[in-house]
Amino acid sequence: MGSKVYSAGDLIGFSIGGGWGKEEQQGDFQTEVAIIRGADFPSIENGIYDGLPVRWEKKAKATKASLQPGDIILEISGGTDDRPTGRTLYITEDLLDSYDCPVIPASFCRLLRPVNDIDSAYLFFWLQNMYVKGRTWGYQNRSTGLSNFQYKVFAELEQVAVPDEEAQHGIASLLLMFDEKRHLNNRANDYLAA
């Protein structure tokens, strides 16, 4: 299983910042959307999909930023003194099917969609590993009390070792299976607690 090394940006085929829209329909803000904020990451990671804010966005923004299964959301603003920006969330069909409207990332987040020969789950788990190991601190700057992930710097400088497509898929499938098992265990625990 040989790997090739790429800049992170070479693995991303499409990237766009999120939105926040308006609380009520007005002017060009006519498309209803559900919005995933960084604050929603923990519950979504545990298979709890309800409670996303539903707002009104411009049609063009809602169309461009509309999430698809396999997309990755990268938190680019926020963080705390002991938690850097750079958290990621993997988008599943189950999550998207929970809403009757498009789902988009919030304005403090960025949608990442890999190029065709990169397994999106593999890239997600690679980004998760990078975050857990604390490497996202190196791409963070802080202004006016808000931490920001320097996406362009990350895309140019971060090096990613990528195995062939079959190996990517095998690694990603195994890790997704563990995630699904965790979701099922959480649901069983919630059921038993009730």
N, C-alpha and C. Protein backbone atom coordinates (compact mmCIF):
# COMPACT_ATOMS: atom_id res chain seq x y z
N MET A 1 0.86 -1.18 0.00
CA MET A 1 0.00 0.00 0.00
C MET A 1 0.89 1.23 0.00
N GLY A 2 1.25 1.73 -1.16
CA GLY A 2 2.04 2.94 -1.27
C GLY A 2 1.15 4.16 -1.18
N SER A 3 1.70 5.24 -0.68
CA SER A 3 0.95 6.49 -0.55
C SER A 3 1.64 7.57 -1.34
N LYS A 4 0.84 8.52 -1.84
CA LYS A 4 1.37 9.72 -2.47
C LYS A 4 1.06 10.89 -1.55
N VAL A 5 1.92 11.87 -1.54
CA VAL A 5 1.74 13.03 -0.67
C VAL A 5 1.22 14.21 -1.50
N TYR A 6 0.17 14.85 -1.00
CA TYR A 6 -0.46 15.98 -1.66
C TYR A 6 -0.61 17.13 -0.66
N SER A 7 -0.70 18.34 -1.16
CA SER A 7 -1.14 19.45 -0.33
C SER A 7 -2.63 19.26 -0.08
N ALA A 8 -3.08 19.62 1.11
CA ALA A 8 -4.50 19.43 1.45
C ALA A 8 -5.41 20.07 0.41
N GLY A 9 -5.05 21.24 -0.08
CA GLY A 9 -5.88 21.93 -1.06
C GLY A 9 -6.05 21.16 -2.36
N ASP A 10 -5.08 20.32 -2.71
CA ASP A 10 -5.18 19.52 -3.93
C ASP A 10 -6.23 18.43 -3.82
N LEU A 11 -6.65 18.12 -2.59
CA LEU A 11 -7.64 17.07 -2.36
C LEU A 11 -9.07 17.61 -2.34
N ILE A 12 -9.20 18.92 -2.31
CA ILE A 12 -10.51 19.55 -2.21
C ILE A 12 -10.95 20.03 -3.59
N GLY A 13 -12.04 19.46 -4.08
CA GLY A 13 -12.54 19.85 -5.39
C GLY A 13 -13.46 21.05 -5.33
N PHE A 14 -14.15 21.23 -4.19
CA PHE A 14 -15.10 22.33 -4.05
C PHE A 14 -15.10 22.77 -2.59
N SER A 15 -15.10 24.06 -2.38
CA SER A 15 -15.11 24.61 -1.03
C SER A 15 -15.86 25.93 -1.05
N ILE A 16 -16.72 26.13 -0.05
CA ILE A 16 -17.46 27.39 0.04
C ILE A 16 -17.79 27.66 1.50
N GLY A 17 -17.79 28.92 1.85
CA GLY A 17 -18.19 29.33 3.20
C GLY A 17 -19.69 29.17 3.39
N GLY A 18 -20.08 29.05 4.63
CA GLY A 18 -21.50 28.86 4.94
C GLY A 18 -22.25 30.18 4.98
N GLY A 19 -23.45 30.12 5.51
CA GLY A 19 -24.30 31.31 5.59
C GLY A 19 -25.11 31.31 6.86
N TRP A 20 -25.80 32.40 7.10
CA TRP A 20 -26.65 32.50 8.28
C TRP A 20 -28.04 32.99 7.91
N GLY A 21 -28.18 33.63 6.77
CA GLY A 21 -29.49 34.04 6.28
C GLY A 21 -30.20 34.99 7.20
N LYS A 22 -31.52 34.93 7.14
CA LYS A 22 -32.39 35.82 7.93
C LYS A 22 -33.38 34.98 8.73
N GLU A 23 -33.85 35.55 9.81
CA GLU A 23 -34.81 34.85 10.67
C GLU A 23 -36.18 34.74 9.99
N GLU A 24 -36.51 35.71 9.15
CA GLU A 24 -37.81 35.72 8.46
C GLU A 24 -37.59 35.92 6.96
N GLN A 25 -38.56 35.48 6.17
CA GLN A 25 -38.51 35.72 4.73
C GLN A 25 -38.52 37.22 4.48
N GLN A 26 -37.61 37.68 3.63
CA GLN A 26 -37.57 39.09 3.26
C GLN A 26 -36.68 39.28 2.05
N GLY A 27 -37.03 40.22 1.20
CA GLY A 27 -36.22 40.54 0.03
C GLY A 27 -35.81 39.31 -0.76
N ASP A 28 -34.50 39.14 -0.95
CA ASP A 28 -33.96 37.99 -1.70
C ASP A 28 -33.86 36.73 -0.86
N PHE A 29 -34.14 36.81 0.42
CA PHE A 29 -34.02 35.67 1.34
C PHE A 29 -35.34 34.90 1.36
N GLN A 30 -35.51 34.01 0.37
CA GLN A 30 -36.78 33.32 0.17
C GLN A 30 -36.67 31.80 0.27
N THR A 31 -35.46 31.27 0.45
CA THR A 31 -35.27 29.82 0.48
C THR A 31 -35.03 29.37 1.91
N GLU A 32 -35.89 28.47 2.38
CA GLU A 32 -35.77 27.95 3.74
C GLU A 32 -34.61 26.95 3.80
N VAL A 33 -33.75 27.08 4.81
CA VAL A 33 -32.62 26.19 4.99
C VAL A 33 -32.46 25.85 6.47
N ALA A 34 -31.94 24.66 6.73
CA ALA A 34 -31.50 24.29 8.08
C ALA A 34 -30.00 24.54 8.10
N ILE A 35 -29.49 25.04 9.23
CA ILE A 35 -28.10 25.47 9.30
C ILE A 35 -27.36 24.70 10.40
N ILE A 36 -26.20 24.14 10.02
CA ILE A 36 -25.36 23.42 10.98
C ILE A 36 -24.28 24.36 11.50
N ARG A 37 -24.33 24.61 12.82
CA ARG A 37 -23.32 25.43 13.49
C ARG A 37 -22.30 24.52 14.16
N GLY A 38 -21.16 25.07 14.53
CA GLY A 38 -20.17 24.31 15.29
C GLY A 38 -20.76 23.75 16.56
N ALA A 39 -21.68 24.49 17.18
CA ALA A 39 -22.33 24.03 18.41
C ALA A 39 -23.17 22.77 18.19
N ASP A 40 -23.55 22.50 16.94
CA ASP A 40 -24.35 21.31 16.62
C ASP A 40 -23.49 20.07 16.37
N PHE A 41 -22.19 20.24 16.20
CA PHE A 41 -21.32 19.10 15.88
C PHE A 41 -21.46 17.95 16.88
N PRO A 42 -21.35 18.21 18.21
CA PRO A 42 -21.39 17.07 19.16
C PRO A 42 -22.67 16.25 19.07
N SER A 43 -23.84 16.89 19.00
CA SER A 43 -25.08 16.11 18.94
C SER A 43 -25.19 15.34 17.62
N ILE A 44 -24.80 15.97 16.50
CA ILE A 44 -24.85 15.28 15.21
C ILE A 44 -23.90 14.10 15.21
N GLU A 45 -22.71 14.28 15.79
CA GLU A 45 -21.75 13.17 15.87
C GLU A 45 -22.32 11.98 16.65
N ASN A 46 -23.27 12.26 17.54
CA ASN A 46 -23.89 11.20 18.32
C ASN A 46 -25.22 10.74 17.73
N GLY A 47 -25.50 11.14 16.49
CA GLY A 47 -26.70 10.66 15.80
C GLY A 47 -27.96 11.40 16.15
N ILE A 48 -27.86 12.58 16.78
CA ILE A 48 -29.03 13.39 17.13
C ILE A 48 -29.08 14.55 16.15
N TYR A 49 -30.09 14.53 15.29
CA TYR A 49 -30.12 15.47 14.17
C TYR A 49 -31.13 16.61 14.33
N ASP A 50 -32.01 16.52 15.30
CA ASP A 50 -33.03 17.57 15.43
C ASP A 50 -32.45 18.81 16.10
N GLY A 51 -33.16 19.92 15.96
CA GLY A 51 -32.76 21.14 16.65
C GLY A 51 -31.91 22.11 15.86
N LEU A 52 -31.64 21.84 14.57
CA LEU A 52 -30.88 22.81 13.79
C LEU A 52 -31.71 24.06 13.58
N PRO A 53 -31.10 25.24 13.61
CA PRO A 53 -31.86 26.45 13.31
C PRO A 53 -32.34 26.41 11.86
N VAL A 54 -33.58 26.82 11.65
CA VAL A 54 -34.13 26.92 10.28
C VAL A 54 -34.33 28.40 10.00
N ARG A 55 -33.70 28.86 8.91
CA ARG A 55 -33.71 30.28 8.57
C ARG A 55 -33.99 30.44 7.07
N TRP A 56 -33.90 31.66 6.58
CA TRP A 56 -34.17 31.97 5.18
C TRP A 56 -32.90 32.50 4.53
N GLU A 57 -32.55 31.94 3.38
CA GLU A 57 -31.30 32.29 2.70
C GLU A 57 -31.61 32.66 1.26
N LYS A 58 -30.66 33.36 0.63
CA LYS A 58 -30.78 33.65 -0.80
C LYS A 58 -30.70 32.34 -1.57
N LYS A 59 -31.46 32.23 -2.65
CA LYS A 59 -31.53 30.98 -3.42
C LYS A 59 -30.14 30.56 -3.91
N ALA A 60 -29.36 31.51 -4.44
CA ALA A 60 -28.04 31.16 -4.97
C ALA A 60 -27.14 30.59 -3.88
N LYS A 61 -27.16 31.20 -2.70
CA LYS A 61 -26.32 30.71 -1.59
C LYS A 61 -26.81 29.35 -1.13
N ALA A 62 -28.13 29.19 -1.01
CA ALA A 62 -28.68 27.90 -0.58
C ALA A 62 -28.32 26.80 -1.56
N THR A 63 -28.31 27.10 -2.84
CA THR A 63 -27.98 26.10 -3.86
C THR A 63 -26.49 25.75 -3.80
N LYS A 64 -25.63 26.76 -3.76
CA LYS A 64 -24.18 26.51 -3.77
C LYS A 64 -23.70 25.82 -2.50
N ALA A 65 -24.27 26.19 -1.35
CA ALA A 65 -23.79 25.66 -0.06
C ALA A 65 -24.60 24.46 0.43
N SER A 66 -25.57 24.01 -0.37
CA SER A 66 -26.40 22.87 0.04
C SER A 66 -25.55 21.61 0.20
N LEU A 67 -25.64 20.99 1.34
CA LEU A 67 -24.82 19.82 1.65
C LEU A 67 -25.32 18.57 0.97
N GLN A 68 -24.37 17.69 0.64
CA GLN A 68 -24.64 16.39 0.04
C GLN A 68 -24.03 15.31 0.92
N PRO A 69 -24.55 14.09 0.86
CA PRO A 69 -23.91 13.01 1.62
C PRO A 69 -22.43 12.90 1.25
N GLY A 70 -21.58 12.78 2.25
CA GLY A 70 -20.15 12.67 2.02
C GLY A 70 -19.41 14.00 2.10
N ASP A 71 -20.15 15.11 2.17
CA ASP A 71 -19.49 16.40 2.36
C ASP A 71 -18.89 16.47 3.76
N ILE A 72 -17.96 17.39 3.93
CA ILE A 72 -17.31 17.62 5.21
C ILE A 72 -17.50 19.09 5.56
N ILE A 73 -17.86 19.35 6.80
CA ILE A 73 -17.92 20.73 7.28
C ILE A 73 -16.70 20.96 8.16
N LEU A 74 -16.00 22.05 7.90
CA LEU A 74 -14.84 22.46 8.68
C LEU A 74 -15.20 23.73 9.44
N GLU A 75 -15.04 23.71 10.77
CA GLU A 75 -15.28 24.90 11.58
C GLU A 75 -14.09 25.84 11.40
N ILE A 76 -14.35 27.06 10.91
CA ILE A 76 -13.26 27.98 10.63
C ILE A 76 -13.20 29.16 11.59
N SER A 77 -14.22 29.37 12.40
CA SER A 77 -14.19 30.43 13.41
C SER A 77 -14.82 29.91 14.67
N GLY A 78 -14.33 30.42 15.78
CA GLY A 78 -14.85 29.99 17.08
C GLY A 78 -13.72 29.52 17.96
N GLY A 79 -13.80 28.28 18.38
CA GLY A 79 -12.78 27.75 19.26
C GLY A 79 -12.82 28.42 20.62
N THR A 80 -11.99 27.96 21.52
CA THR A 80 -11.84 28.54 22.85
C THR A 80 -10.36 28.55 23.19
N ASP A 81 -10.04 29.00 24.40
CA ASP A 81 -8.63 29.01 24.80
C ASP A 81 -8.03 27.61 24.84
N ASP A 82 -8.86 26.61 25.09
CA ASP A 82 -8.34 25.24 25.16
C ASP A 82 -8.88 24.32 24.07
N ARG A 83 -9.64 24.86 23.12
CA ARG A 83 -10.15 24.07 22.00
C ARG A 83 -9.98 24.88 20.72
N PRO A 84 -9.10 24.43 19.82
CA PRO A 84 -8.86 25.21 18.61
C PRO A 84 -10.00 25.08 17.61
N THR A 85 -9.98 25.94 16.61
CA THR A 85 -10.86 25.77 15.47
C THR A 85 -10.34 24.57 14.67
N GLY A 86 -11.06 24.21 13.63
CA GLY A 86 -10.61 23.10 12.79
C GLY A 86 -11.35 21.81 13.04
N ARG A 87 -12.40 21.84 13.89
CA ARG A 87 -13.21 20.63 14.05
C ARG A 87 -13.90 20.32 12.72
N THR A 88 -14.22 19.06 12.50
CA THR A 88 -14.89 18.67 11.26
C THR A 88 -16.11 17.81 11.57
N LEU A 89 -17.02 17.78 10.60
CA LEU A 89 -18.23 16.97 10.70
C LEU A 89 -18.47 16.32 9.35
N TYR A 90 -18.78 15.02 9.37
CA TYR A 90 -19.06 14.26 8.15
C TYR A 90 -20.57 14.25 7.92
N ILE A 91 -21.00 14.57 6.72
CA ILE A 91 -22.42 14.68 6.41
C ILE A 91 -22.95 13.36 5.86
N THR A 92 -24.00 12.85 6.50
CA THR A 92 -24.61 11.59 6.10
C THR A 92 -25.98 11.81 5.46
N GLU A 93 -26.41 10.81 4.74
CA GLU A 93 -27.74 10.87 4.13
C GLU A 93 -28.82 10.91 5.21
N ASP A 94 -28.63 10.17 6.31
CA ASP A 94 -29.60 10.18 7.42
C ASP A 94 -29.81 11.59 7.95
N LEU A 95 -28.72 12.32 8.12
CA LEU A 95 -28.83 13.70 8.61
C LEU A 95 -29.64 14.54 7.64
N LEU A 96 -29.30 14.50 6.37
CA LEU A 96 -29.98 15.32 5.37
C LEU A 96 -31.44 14.93 5.22
N ASP A 97 -31.75 13.63 5.35
CA ASP A 97 -33.13 13.16 5.24
C ASP A 97 -33.99 13.61 6.42
N SER A 98 -33.37 14.11 7.47
CA SER A 98 -34.11 14.58 8.65
C SER A 98 -34.76 15.93 8.43
N TYR A 99 -34.44 16.58 7.33
CA TYR A 99 -34.96 17.92 7.06
C TYR A 99 -35.63 17.97 5.69
N ASP A 100 -36.72 18.74 5.60
CA ASP A 100 -37.48 18.89 4.36
C ASP A 100 -36.97 20.05 3.51
N CYS A 101 -35.85 20.62 3.90
CA CYS A 101 -35.27 21.74 3.18
C CYS A 101 -33.78 21.50 3.03
N PRO A 102 -33.11 22.29 2.19
CA PRO A 102 -31.65 22.14 2.09
C PRO A 102 -30.99 22.39 3.45
N VAL A 103 -29.87 21.73 3.67
CA VAL A 103 -29.07 21.93 4.88
C VAL A 103 -27.75 22.53 4.43
N ILE A 104 -27.35 23.63 5.10
CA ILE A 104 -26.10 24.31 4.74
C ILE A 104 -25.26 24.50 6.00
N PRO A 105 -23.94 24.72 5.84
CA PRO A 105 -23.12 25.04 7.00
C PRO A 105 -23.34 26.50 7.41
N ALA A 106 -23.12 26.78 8.69
CA ALA A 106 -23.24 28.15 9.19
C ALA A 106 -22.08 29.00 8.69
N SER A 107 -22.20 30.30 8.89
CA SER A 107 -21.19 31.24 8.39
C SER A 107 -19.83 31.06 9.05
N PHE A 108 -19.74 30.43 10.21
CA PHE A 108 -18.45 30.18 10.86
C PHE A 108 -17.86 28.84 10.41
N CYS A 109 -18.43 28.26 9.37
CA CYS A 109 -17.99 26.96 8.87
C CYS A 109 -17.74 27.02 7.36
N ARG A 110 -17.13 25.96 6.85
CA ARG A 110 -16.82 25.87 5.42
C ARG A 110 -17.15 24.47 4.94
N LEU A 111 -17.83 24.38 3.80
CA LEU A 111 -18.13 23.10 3.17
C LEU A 111 -16.91 22.67 2.37
N LEU A 112 -16.49 21.42 2.57
CA LEU A 112 -15.40 20.83 1.79
C LEU A 112 -15.93 19.61 1.05
N ARG A 113 -15.66 19.55 -0.24
CA ARG A 113 -16.06 18.40 -1.05
C ARG A 113 -14.81 17.93 -1.80
N PRO A 114 -14.35 16.71 -1.53
CA PRO A 114 -13.09 16.25 -2.13
C PRO A 114 -13.19 16.04 -3.64
N VAL A 115 -12.02 16.00 -4.27
CA VAL A 115 -11.94 15.65 -5.69
C VAL A 115 -12.41 14.20 -5.84
N ASN A 116 -12.72 13.80 -7.07
CA ASN A 116 -13.36 12.51 -7.33
C ASN A 116 -12.59 11.29 -6.85
N ASP A 117 -11.27 11.29 -6.91
CA ASP A 117 -10.54 10.07 -6.55
C ASP A 117 -10.13 10.02 -5.08
N ILE A 118 -10.69 10.91 -4.27
CA ILE A 118 -10.45 10.90 -2.82
C ILE A 118 -11.74 10.49 -2.12
N ASP A 119 -11.66 9.45 -1.31
CA ASP A 119 -12.81 8.99 -0.52
C ASP A 119 -13.09 10.05 0.54
N SER A 120 -14.29 10.61 0.52
CA SER A 120 -14.60 11.72 1.43
C SER A 120 -14.50 11.30 2.89
N ALA A 121 -14.92 10.08 3.21
CA ALA A 121 -14.82 9.61 4.60
C ALA A 121 -13.36 9.47 5.01
N TYR A 122 -12.51 9.02 4.09
CA TYR A 122 -11.08 8.92 4.39
C TYR A 122 -10.53 10.30 4.72
N LEU A 123 -10.86 11.31 3.90
CA LEU A 123 -10.37 12.66 4.15
C LEU A 123 -10.92 13.19 5.47
N PHE A 124 -12.19 12.92 5.74
CA PHE A 124 -12.78 13.35 7.02
C PHE A 124 -12.01 12.78 8.20
N PHE A 125 -11.76 11.47 8.19
CA PHE A 125 -11.06 10.87 9.32
C PHE A 125 -9.62 11.36 9.40
N TRP A 126 -9.01 11.68 8.27
CA TRP A 126 -7.67 12.26 8.30
C TRP A 126 -7.72 13.63 8.99
N LEU A 127 -8.73 14.44 8.64
CA LEU A 127 -8.89 15.76 9.27
C LEU A 127 -9.19 15.63 10.76
N GLN A 128 -10.01 14.63 11.11
CA GLN A 128 -10.30 14.38 12.53
C GLN A 128 -9.02 14.07 13.29
N ASN A 129 -8.19 13.23 12.71
CA ASN A 129 -6.93 12.85 13.33
C ASN A 129 -6.02 14.07 13.51
N MET A 130 -5.98 14.91 12.49
CA MET A 130 -5.19 16.13 12.56
C MET A 130 -5.65 17.00 13.72
N TYR A 131 -6.97 17.12 13.88
CA TYR A 131 -7.54 17.94 14.96
C TYR A 131 -7.22 17.33 16.33
N VAL A 132 -7.46 16.03 16.47
CA VAL A 132 -7.23 15.35 17.75
C VAL A 132 -5.77 15.47 18.18
N LYS A 133 -4.86 15.43 17.22
CA LYS A 133 -3.43 15.53 17.54
C LYS A 133 -2.98 16.98 17.79
N GLY A 134 -3.91 17.94 17.67
CA GLY A 134 -3.59 19.33 17.98
C GLY A 134 -2.92 20.10 16.88
N ARG A 135 -2.88 19.55 15.68
CA ARG A 135 -2.17 20.22 14.59
C ARG A 135 -2.94 21.41 14.02
N THR A 136 -4.24 21.52 14.33
CA THR A 136 -4.98 22.67 13.81
C THR A 136 -4.59 23.96 14.53
N TRP A 137 -3.99 23.85 15.75
CA TRP A 137 -3.51 25.06 16.43
C TRP A 137 -2.58 25.86 15.51
N GLY A 138 -1.79 25.18 14.71
CA GLY A 138 -0.82 25.84 13.85
C GLY A 138 -1.43 26.66 12.73
N TYR A 139 -2.73 26.48 12.46
CA TYR A 139 -3.40 27.22 11.40
C TYR A 139 -4.40 28.23 11.96
N GLN A 140 -4.28 28.53 13.22
CA GLN A 140 -5.24 29.40 13.87
C GLN A 140 -4.62 30.76 14.15
N ASN A 141 -5.39 31.81 13.95
CA ASN A 141 -4.99 33.12 14.42
C ASN A 141 -6.16 33.70 15.21
N ARG A 142 -5.87 34.70 16.00
CA ARG A 142 -6.90 35.24 16.87
C ARG A 142 -6.94 36.74 16.71
N SER A 143 -8.14 37.24 16.45
CA SER A 143 -8.33 38.69 16.37
C SER A 143 -9.63 39.04 17.08
N THR A 144 -9.61 40.10 17.80
CA THR A 144 -10.78 40.58 18.55
C THR A 144 -11.46 39.48 19.35
N GLY A 145 -10.67 38.59 19.94
CA GLY A 145 -11.22 37.55 20.81
C GLY A 145 -11.78 36.35 20.08
N LEU A 146 -11.81 36.37 18.75
CA LEU A 146 -12.35 35.26 17.98
C LEU A 146 -11.22 34.54 17.26
N SER A 147 -11.17 33.23 17.40
CA SER A 147 -10.14 32.45 16.72
C SER A 147 -10.61 32.08 15.32
N ASN A 148 -9.71 32.17 14.36
CA ASN A 148 -10.03 31.85 12.97
C ASN A 148 -9.03 30.85 12.42
N PHE A 149 -9.55 29.87 11.69
CA PHE A 149 -8.74 28.86 11.02
C PHE A 149 -8.29 29.45 9.69
N GLN A 150 -6.99 29.49 9.43
CA GLN A 150 -6.46 30.05 8.20
C GLN A 150 -6.53 28.99 7.09
N TYR A 151 -7.69 28.91 6.45
CA TYR A 151 -7.95 27.85 5.48
C TYR A 151 -6.97 27.88 4.31
N LYS A 152 -6.70 29.05 3.76
CA LYS A 152 -5.81 29.13 2.59
C LYS A 152 -4.40 28.66 2.93
N VAL A 153 -3.92 29.04 4.11
CA VAL A 153 -2.59 28.59 4.54
C VAL A 153 -2.58 27.08 4.72
N PHE A 154 -3.63 26.57 5.38
CA PHE A 154 -3.78 25.12 5.57
C PHE A 154 -3.77 24.40 4.21
N ALA A 155 -4.58 24.89 3.27
CA ALA A 155 -4.71 24.23 1.96
C ALA A 155 -3.38 24.18 1.22
N GLU A 156 -2.55 25.20 1.39
CA GLU A 156 -1.26 25.24 0.70
C GLU A 156 -0.17 24.44 1.42
N LEU A 157 -0.14 24.49 2.76
CA LEU A 157 1.00 23.95 3.49
C LEU A 157 0.81 22.54 4.06
N GLU A 158 -0.41 22.19 4.43
CA GLU A 158 -0.60 20.88 5.07
C GLU A 158 -0.42 19.76 4.05
N GLN A 159 0.42 18.80 4.40
CA GLN A 159 0.73 17.67 3.52
C GLN A 159 -0.05 16.43 3.98
N VAL A 160 -0.67 15.75 3.02
CA VAL A 160 -1.50 14.59 3.32
C VAL A 160 -0.97 13.38 2.54
N ALA A 161 -0.68 12.30 3.25
CA ALA A 161 -0.30 11.04 2.60
C ALA A 161 -1.58 10.29 2.24
N VAL A 162 -1.75 9.98 0.97
CA VAL A 162 -2.98 9.37 0.49
C VAL A 162 -2.67 8.04 -0.17
N PRO A 163 -3.24 6.94 0.37
CA PRO A 163 -3.05 5.64 -0.29
C PRO A 163 -3.95 5.53 -1.52
N ASP A 164 -3.87 4.41 -2.22
CA ASP A 164 -4.73 4.21 -3.41
C ASP A 164 -6.20 4.18 -2.99
N GLU A 165 -7.08 4.30 -3.98
CA GLU A 165 -8.52 4.41 -3.71
C GLU A 165 -9.06 3.21 -2.94
N GLU A 166 -8.61 2.02 -3.26
CA GLU A 166 -9.10 0.82 -2.57
C GLU A 166 -8.74 0.87 -1.08
N ALA A 167 -7.52 1.27 -0.77
CA ALA A 167 -7.09 1.37 0.63
C ALA A 167 -7.85 2.48 1.34
N GLN A 168 -8.04 3.62 0.67
CA GLN A 168 -8.82 4.71 1.26
C GLN A 168 -10.21 4.21 1.65
N HIS A 169 -10.84 3.52 0.70
CA HIS A 169 -12.21 3.05 0.94
C HIS A 169 -12.24 2.03 2.08
N GLY A 170 -11.27 1.14 2.13
CA GLY A 170 -11.23 0.14 3.19
C GLY A 170 -11.08 0.77 4.57
N ILE A 171 -10.16 1.72 4.69
CA ILE A 171 -9.94 2.42 5.96
C ILE A 171 -11.19 3.19 6.36
N ALA A 172 -11.75 3.94 5.41
CA ALA A 172 -12.94 4.75 5.69
C ALA A 172 -14.13 3.89 6.08
N SER A 173 -14.34 2.77 5.38
CA SER A 173 -15.48 1.89 5.68
C SER A 173 -15.40 1.34 7.10
N LEU A 174 -14.21 0.94 7.50
CA LEU A 174 -14.03 0.41 8.85
C LEU A 174 -14.32 1.47 9.90
N LEU A 175 -13.80 2.68 9.70
CA LEU A 175 -14.02 3.74 10.68
C LEU A 175 -15.47 4.19 10.70
N LEU A 176 -16.13 4.22 9.54
CA LEU A 176 -17.56 4.56 9.51
C LEU A 176 -18.39 3.50 10.24
N MET A 177 -17.97 2.24 10.13
CA MET A 177 -18.67 1.17 10.84
C MET A 177 -18.58 1.39 12.35
N PHE A 178 -17.40 1.78 12.84
CA PHE A 178 -17.24 2.07 14.27
C PHE A 178 -18.11 3.25 14.69
N ASP A 179 -18.19 4.28 13.85
CA ASP A 179 -19.04 5.43 14.16
C ASP A 179 -20.51 5.01 14.25
N GLU A 180 -20.96 4.19 13.31
CA GLU A 180 -22.35 3.72 13.33
C GLU A 180 -22.63 2.90 14.58
N LYS A 181 -21.69 2.08 14.99
CA LYS A 181 -21.84 1.30 16.22
C LYS A 181 -21.98 2.22 17.43
N ARG A 182 -21.21 3.29 17.46
CA ARG A 182 -21.30 4.26 18.55
C ARG A 182 -22.67 4.92 18.56
N HIS A 183 -23.19 5.29 17.38
CA HIS A 183 -24.53 5.89 17.29
C HIS A 183 -25.58 4.93 17.84
N LEU A 184 -25.50 3.66 17.44
CA LEU A 184 -26.48 2.67 17.91
C LEU A 184 -26.39 2.49 19.42
N ASN A 185 -25.18 2.46 19.95
CA ASN A 185 -25.01 2.34 21.40
C ASN A 185 -25.60 3.54 22.13
N ASN A 186 -25.39 4.74 21.59
CA ASN A 186 -25.95 5.94 22.21
C ASN A 186 -27.48 5.90 22.20
N ARG A 187 -28.06 5.47 21.09
CA ARG A 187 -29.52 5.37 21.02
C ARG A 187 -30.06 4.35 22.00
N ALA A 188 -29.37 3.22 22.12
CA ALA A 188 -29.79 2.19 23.09
C ALA A 188 -29.69 2.73 24.50
N ASN A 189 -28.63 3.45 24.82
CA ASN A 189 -28.48 4.02 26.15
C ASN A 189 -29.58 5.03 26.45
N ASP A 190 -29.91 5.86 25.47
CA ASP A 190 -30.99 6.84 25.64
C ASP A 190 -32.32 6.14 25.87
N TYR A 191 -32.57 5.07 25.11
CA TYR A 191 -33.79 4.32 25.27
C TYR A 191 -33.88 3.69 26.66
N LEU A 192 -32.78 3.10 27.12
CA LEU A 192 -32.77 2.48 28.44
C LEU A 192 -32.93 3.52 29.54
N ALA A 193 -32.33 4.69 29.37
CA ALA A 193 -32.44 5.75 30.38
C ALA A 193 -33.88 6.26 30.47
N ALA A 194 -34.59 6.28 29.32
CA ALA A 194 -35.97 6.75 29.31
C ALA A 194 -36.88 5.73 29.97
